[in-house]
Amino acid sequence: MTFSGNYHLEDKFKLTLGGALNQYYGKHFGKIIWAQDASNSINDYKWYDGTGLKNDFNIYIKANIRLFRKFFLFGDLQYRDILYKMTGTLEDLRPADQIHSFSFFNPKAGVIY
């Protein structure tokens, strides 16, 4: 799901508010397809097998202000949150379960001429 809305005050001020919410789910696996020093390994050996989930959320606001004829200031604030969950087993049947969460704040500002 994505969304955005715009507000314009003539040609002097533009504001955008938007964001997205995405979810990805799927199987994941790892195979050893080649190794220089493989010892007793065989091709296409399945090293791990499991499922993965990624939730990704972001929201942003952008502003563009015209100061003079060809001179603009802009600002952009974004917050983003990502959650990864992985389940599965390794070759020796040990669990490969993992959970990782990341949050970011991404400010930007600048001048356009």
N, C-alpha and C. Protein backbone atom coordinates (compact mmCIF):
# COMPACT_ATOMS: atom_id res chain seq x y z
N MET A 1 0.84 -1.16 0.00
CA MET A 1 0.00 0.00 0.00
C MET A 1 0.89 1.24 0.00
N THR A 2 0.60 2.16 -0.88
CA THR A 2 1.29 3.45 -0.89
C THR A 2 0.24 4.55 -0.89
N PHE A 3 0.63 5.71 -0.41
CA PHE A 3 -0.28 6.85 -0.41
C PHE A 3 0.52 8.14 -0.49
N SER A 4 -0.13 9.17 -1.01
CA SER A 4 0.46 10.51 -0.98
C SER A 4 -0.63 11.54 -1.23
N GLY A 5 -0.39 12.71 -0.71
CA GLY A 5 -1.29 13.83 -0.92
C GLY A 5 -0.46 15.08 -1.16
N ASN A 6 -0.98 15.98 -1.97
CA ASN A 6 -0.25 17.19 -2.33
C ASN A 6 -1.07 18.43 -1.98
N TYR A 7 -0.36 19.48 -1.59
CA TYR A 7 -0.97 20.78 -1.36
C TYR A 7 -0.11 21.81 -2.08
N HIS A 8 -0.74 22.66 -2.89
CA HIS A 8 -0.02 23.70 -3.63
C HIS A 8 -0.63 25.05 -3.31
N LEU A 9 0.20 26.02 -3.01
CA LEU A 9 -0.23 27.40 -2.84
C LEU A 9 0.37 28.18 -4.00
N GLU A 10 -0.44 28.30 -5.05
CA GLU A 10 -0.01 28.91 -6.31
C GLU A 10 1.30 28.26 -6.76
N ASP A 11 2.29 29.04 -7.11
CA ASP A 11 3.58 28.51 -7.56
C ASP A 11 4.66 28.78 -6.53
N LYS A 12 4.24 29.10 -5.27
CA LYS A 12 5.20 29.51 -4.26
C LYS A 12 5.51 28.44 -3.22
N PHE A 13 4.56 27.56 -2.98
CA PHE A 13 4.73 26.59 -1.90
C PHE A 13 4.08 25.27 -2.31
N LYS A 14 4.84 24.18 -2.17
CA LYS A 14 4.33 22.83 -2.46
C LYS A 14 4.65 21.93 -1.27
N LEU A 15 3.66 21.16 -0.85
CA LEU A 15 3.83 20.25 0.27
C LEU A 15 3.29 18.88 -0.13
N THR A 16 4.05 17.84 0.17
CA THR A 16 3.64 16.47 -0.12
C THR A 16 3.79 15.64 1.14
N LEU A 17 2.75 14.88 1.44
CA LEU A 17 2.78 13.93 2.55
C LEU A 17 2.48 12.56 1.97
N GLY A 18 3.31 11.58 2.31
CA GLY A 18 3.10 10.25 1.73
C GLY A 18 3.77 9.17 2.55
N GLY A 19 3.62 7.96 2.05
CA GLY A 19 4.24 6.84 2.73
C GLY A 19 3.88 5.53 2.07
N ALA A 20 4.31 4.45 2.70
CA ALA A 20 4.05 3.12 2.15
C ALA A 20 4.12 2.09 3.27
N LEU A 21 3.39 1.01 3.06
CA LEU A 21 3.44 -0.15 3.93
C LEU A 21 3.51 -1.37 3.02
N ASN A 22 4.59 -2.12 3.13
CA ASN A 22 4.80 -3.30 2.28
C ASN A 22 5.12 -4.51 3.14
N GLN A 23 4.67 -5.67 2.67
CA GLN A 23 5.02 -6.92 3.33
C GLN A 23 5.44 -7.93 2.27
N TYR A 24 6.56 -8.57 2.53
CA TYR A 24 7.10 -9.59 1.64
C TYR A 24 7.21 -10.88 2.44
N TYR A 25 6.74 -11.98 1.88
CA TYR A 25 6.81 -13.27 2.55
C TYR A 25 7.22 -14.32 1.52
N GLY A 26 8.11 -15.20 1.90
CA GLY A 26 8.50 -16.24 0.96
C GLY A 26 9.45 -17.24 1.56
N LYS A 27 9.66 -18.30 0.82
CA LYS A 27 10.63 -19.31 1.22
C LYS A 27 12.03 -18.84 0.85
N HIS A 28 12.99 -19.25 1.61
CA HIS A 28 14.39 -18.98 1.25
C HIS A 28 15.21 -20.21 1.57
N PHE A 29 16.26 -20.38 0.80
CA PHE A 29 17.12 -21.54 0.98
C PHE A 29 18.50 -21.19 0.44
N GLY A 30 19.46 -21.94 0.85
CA GLY A 30 20.81 -21.76 0.36
C GLY A 30 21.38 -23.08 -0.10
N LYS A 31 21.92 -23.07 -1.31
CA LYS A 31 22.57 -24.27 -1.85
C LYS A 31 24.03 -23.95 -2.15
N ILE A 32 24.86 -24.90 -1.87
CA ILE A 32 26.27 -24.77 -2.25
C ILE A 32 26.37 -25.33 -3.66
N ILE A 33 26.65 -24.45 -4.63
CA ILE A 33 26.70 -24.89 -6.02
C ILE A 33 28.13 -25.07 -6.52
N TRP A 34 29.11 -24.53 -5.79
CA TRP A 34 30.50 -24.68 -6.19
C TRP A 34 31.39 -24.24 -5.05
N ALA A 35 32.51 -24.90 -4.86
CA ALA A 35 33.52 -24.50 -3.90
C ALA A 35 34.88 -25.00 -4.39
N GLN A 36 35.88 -24.17 -4.31
CA GLN A 36 37.19 -24.54 -4.80
C GLN A 36 37.76 -25.71 -3.99
N ASP A 37 37.65 -25.63 -2.66
CA ASP A 37 38.14 -26.70 -1.79
C ASP A 37 36.93 -27.34 -1.12
N ALA A 38 36.18 -28.14 -1.85
CA ALA A 38 34.90 -28.65 -1.37
C ALA A 38 35.00 -29.90 -0.52
N SER A 39 36.15 -30.51 -0.36
CA SER A 39 36.32 -31.77 0.38
C SER A 39 35.34 -32.82 -0.12
N ASN A 40 34.44 -33.23 0.76
CA ASN A 40 33.50 -34.29 0.41
C ASN A 40 32.12 -33.75 0.04
N SER A 41 31.98 -32.47 -0.23
CA SER A 41 30.68 -31.88 -0.56
C SER A 41 30.20 -32.34 -1.93
N ILE A 42 28.89 -32.24 -2.11
CA ILE A 42 28.31 -32.55 -3.42
C ILE A 42 27.64 -31.30 -3.96
N ASN A 43 27.51 -31.20 -5.27
CA ASN A 43 26.85 -30.04 -5.88
C ASN A 43 25.39 -29.96 -5.45
N ASP A 44 24.88 -28.75 -5.41
CA ASP A 44 23.50 -28.46 -5.03
C ASP A 44 23.16 -28.94 -3.62
N TYR A 45 24.14 -28.95 -2.73
CA TYR A 45 23.93 -29.33 -1.34
C TYR A 45 23.13 -28.23 -0.64
N LYS A 46 22.00 -28.57 -0.05
CA LYS A 46 21.16 -27.58 0.63
C LYS A 46 21.74 -27.30 2.00
N TRP A 47 22.20 -26.06 2.19
CA TRP A 47 22.86 -25.65 3.42
C TRP A 47 21.84 -25.19 4.45
N TYR A 48 20.79 -24.46 4.03
CA TYR A 48 19.73 -24.07 4.94
C TYR A 48 18.42 -23.97 4.16
N ASP A 49 17.30 -23.99 4.91
CA ASP A 49 15.98 -23.96 4.30
C ASP A 49 15.02 -23.31 5.30
N GLY A 50 14.16 -22.41 4.84
CA GLY A 50 13.24 -21.76 5.77
C GLY A 50 12.30 -20.80 5.09
N THR A 51 11.69 -19.94 5.91
CA THR A 51 10.79 -18.90 5.41
C THR A 51 11.27 -17.54 5.91
N GLY A 52 10.89 -16.50 5.19
CA GLY A 52 11.27 -15.15 5.57
C GLY A 52 10.10 -14.20 5.46
N LEU A 53 10.11 -13.19 6.33
CA LEU A 53 9.08 -12.15 6.35
C LEU A 53 9.77 -10.80 6.49
N LYS A 54 9.36 -9.84 5.67
CA LYS A 54 9.88 -8.48 5.78
C LYS A 54 8.70 -7.52 5.78
N ASN A 55 8.59 -6.72 6.85
CA ASN A 55 7.62 -5.63 6.92
C ASN A 55 8.39 -4.33 6.77
N ASP A 56 7.93 -3.47 5.88
CA ASP A 56 8.62 -2.22 5.57
C ASP A 56 7.60 -1.09 5.60
N PHE A 57 7.80 -0.11 6.48
CA PHE A 57 6.89 1.03 6.62
C PHE A 57 7.69 2.32 6.49
N ASN A 58 7.15 3.31 5.78
CA ASN A 58 7.78 4.62 5.76
C ASN A 58 6.71 5.70 5.62
N ILE A 59 7.04 6.87 6.15
CA ILE A 59 6.19 8.04 6.01
C ILE A 59 7.12 9.23 5.78
N TYR A 60 6.67 10.17 4.95
CA TYR A 60 7.53 11.32 4.64
C TYR A 60 6.68 12.57 4.45
N ILE A 61 7.35 13.69 4.59
CA ILE A 61 6.76 14.98 4.25
C ILE A 61 7.83 15.78 3.52
N LYS A 62 7.43 16.41 2.42
CA LYS A 62 8.35 17.21 1.60
C LYS A 62 7.77 18.60 1.42
N ALA A 63 8.63 19.59 1.45
CA ALA A 63 8.21 20.97 1.21
C ALA A 63 9.15 21.61 0.21
N ASN A 64 8.59 22.43 -0.67
CA ASN A 64 9.35 23.17 -1.68
C ASN A 64 8.84 24.61 -1.66
N ILE A 65 9.72 25.54 -1.36
CA ILE A 65 9.34 26.95 -1.21
C ILE A 65 10.08 27.78 -2.24
N ARG A 66 9.34 28.56 -3.01
CA ARG A 66 9.96 29.46 -3.99
C ARG A 66 10.27 30.78 -3.30
N LEU A 67 11.57 31.14 -3.29
CA LEU A 67 11.98 32.40 -2.68
C LEU A 67 12.02 33.53 -3.71
N PHE A 68 12.62 33.23 -4.85
CA PHE A 68 12.71 34.20 -5.95
C PHE A 68 12.31 33.49 -7.23
N ARG A 69 12.49 34.14 -8.34
CA ARG A 69 12.04 33.62 -9.63
C ARG A 69 12.53 32.19 -9.90
N LYS A 70 13.84 31.94 -9.77
CA LYS A 70 14.40 30.61 -10.04
C LYS A 70 15.11 30.02 -8.82
N PHE A 71 14.79 30.49 -7.65
CA PHE A 71 15.49 30.10 -6.44
C PHE A 71 14.50 29.44 -5.47
N PHE A 72 14.75 28.15 -5.14
CA PHE A 72 13.85 27.38 -4.29
C PHE A 72 14.61 26.78 -3.11
N LEU A 73 13.93 26.64 -1.99
CA LEU A 73 14.42 25.87 -0.85
C LEU A 73 13.56 24.62 -0.75
N PHE A 74 14.16 23.50 -0.36
CA PHE A 74 13.37 22.30 -0.17
C PHE A 74 13.81 21.57 1.10
N GLY A 75 12.88 20.83 1.66
CA GLY A 75 13.15 20.01 2.82
C GLY A 75 12.36 18.71 2.70
N ASP A 76 12.91 17.66 3.25
CA ASP A 76 12.30 16.34 3.15
C ASP A 76 12.62 15.60 4.45
N LEU A 77 11.59 15.13 5.15
CA LEU A 77 11.77 14.35 6.37
C LEU A 77 11.13 12.99 6.14
N GLN A 78 11.89 11.92 6.38
CA GLN A 78 11.36 10.57 6.20
C GLN A 78 11.68 9.72 7.43
N TYR A 79 10.68 8.94 7.86
CA TYR A 79 10.89 7.93 8.89
C TYR A 79 10.63 6.58 8.24
N ARG A 80 11.51 5.61 8.49
CA ARG A 80 11.36 4.28 7.90
C ARG A 80 11.63 3.23 8.96
N ASP A 81 10.80 2.19 8.98
CA ASP A 81 10.94 1.10 9.93
C ASP A 81 10.88 -0.22 9.16
N ILE A 82 11.85 -1.09 9.41
CA ILE A 82 11.94 -2.38 8.72
C ILE A 82 12.06 -3.48 9.76
N LEU A 83 11.29 -4.55 9.58
CA LEU A 83 11.37 -5.72 10.44
C LEU A 83 11.58 -6.95 9.58
N TYR A 84 12.64 -7.70 9.88
CA TYR A 84 12.93 -8.96 9.20
C TYR A 84 12.73 -10.11 10.19
N LYS A 85 12.02 -11.14 9.76
CA LYS A 85 11.90 -12.37 10.55
C LYS A 85 12.24 -13.53 9.64
N MET A 86 13.10 -14.40 10.13
CA MET A 86 13.52 -15.56 9.34
C MET A 86 13.42 -16.79 10.22
N THR A 87 12.85 -17.86 9.69
CA THR A 87 12.80 -19.13 10.40
C THR A 87 13.38 -20.21 9.50
N GLY A 88 13.85 -21.26 10.09
CA GLY A 88 14.38 -22.36 9.30
C GLY A 88 15.42 -23.14 10.06
N THR A 89 16.07 -24.07 9.36
CA THR A 89 17.09 -24.91 9.97
C THR A 89 18.34 -24.93 9.10
N LEU A 90 19.46 -25.07 9.76
CA LEU A 90 20.73 -25.23 9.08
C LEU A 90 20.95 -26.70 8.77
N GLU A 91 22.05 -27.00 8.08
CA GLU A 91 22.33 -28.38 7.66
C GLU A 91 22.40 -29.36 8.82
N ASP A 92 22.85 -28.91 9.98
CA ASP A 92 22.97 -29.81 11.13
C ASP A 92 21.74 -29.75 12.04
N LEU A 93 20.63 -29.24 11.48
CA LEU A 93 19.32 -29.15 12.14
C LEU A 93 19.27 -28.13 13.28
N ARG A 94 20.30 -27.29 13.41
CA ARG A 94 20.22 -26.18 14.36
C ARG A 94 19.25 -25.14 13.80
N PRO A 95 18.49 -24.45 14.65
CA PRO A 95 17.57 -23.42 14.15
C PRO A 95 18.34 -22.23 13.58
N ALA A 96 17.82 -21.67 12.50
CA ALA A 96 18.41 -20.48 11.87
C ALA A 96 17.50 -19.27 12.08
N ASP A 97 16.66 -19.32 13.11
CA ASP A 97 15.69 -18.25 13.34
C ASP A 97 16.40 -16.94 13.70
N GLN A 98 15.92 -15.86 13.11
CA GLN A 98 16.48 -14.54 13.37
C GLN A 98 15.37 -13.50 13.30
N ILE A 99 15.52 -12.44 14.09
CA ILE A 99 14.64 -11.27 14.01
C ILE A 99 15.53 -10.05 14.05
N HIS A 100 15.35 -9.15 13.08
CA HIS A 100 16.12 -7.90 13.03
C HIS A 100 15.15 -6.75 12.78
N SER A 101 15.33 -5.68 13.53
CA SER A 101 14.48 -4.50 13.37
C SER A 101 15.38 -3.28 13.17
N PHE A 102 15.03 -2.45 12.20
CA PHE A 102 15.80 -1.25 11.90
C PHE A 102 14.86 -0.06 11.78
N SER A 103 15.26 1.07 12.35
CA SER A 103 14.51 2.32 12.21
C SER A 103 15.46 3.40 11.72
N PHE A 104 14.98 4.22 10.79
CA PHE A 104 15.81 5.27 10.21
C PHE A 104 15.04 6.58 10.19
N PHE A 105 15.75 7.67 10.42
CA PHE A 105 15.21 9.01 10.19
C PHE A 105 16.12 9.65 9.16
N ASN A 106 15.55 10.06 8.03
CA ASN A 106 16.33 10.58 6.91
C ASN A 106 15.91 12.01 6.58
N PRO A 107 16.62 13.01 7.13
CA PRO A 107 16.31 14.40 6.77
C PRO A 107 17.13 14.84 5.56
N LYS A 108 16.54 15.69 4.76
CA LYS A 108 17.25 16.28 3.61
C LYS A 108 16.83 17.73 3.50
N ALA A 109 17.75 18.56 3.07
CA ALA A 109 17.45 19.97 2.82
C ALA A 109 18.39 20.47 1.74
N GLY A 110 17.93 21.48 1.02
CA GLY A 110 18.79 21.98 -0.04
C GLY A 110 18.22 23.20 -0.73
N VAL A 111 18.97 23.61 -1.73
CA VAL A 111 18.64 24.79 -2.52
C VAL A 111 18.62 24.36 -3.99
N ILE A 112 17.63 24.86 -4.74
CA ILE A 112 17.56 24.61 -6.17
C ILE A 112 17.60 25.95 -6.88
N TYR A 113 18.45 26.06 -7.88
CA TYR A 113 18.49 27.27 -8.70
C TYR A 113 18.35 26.85 -10.16
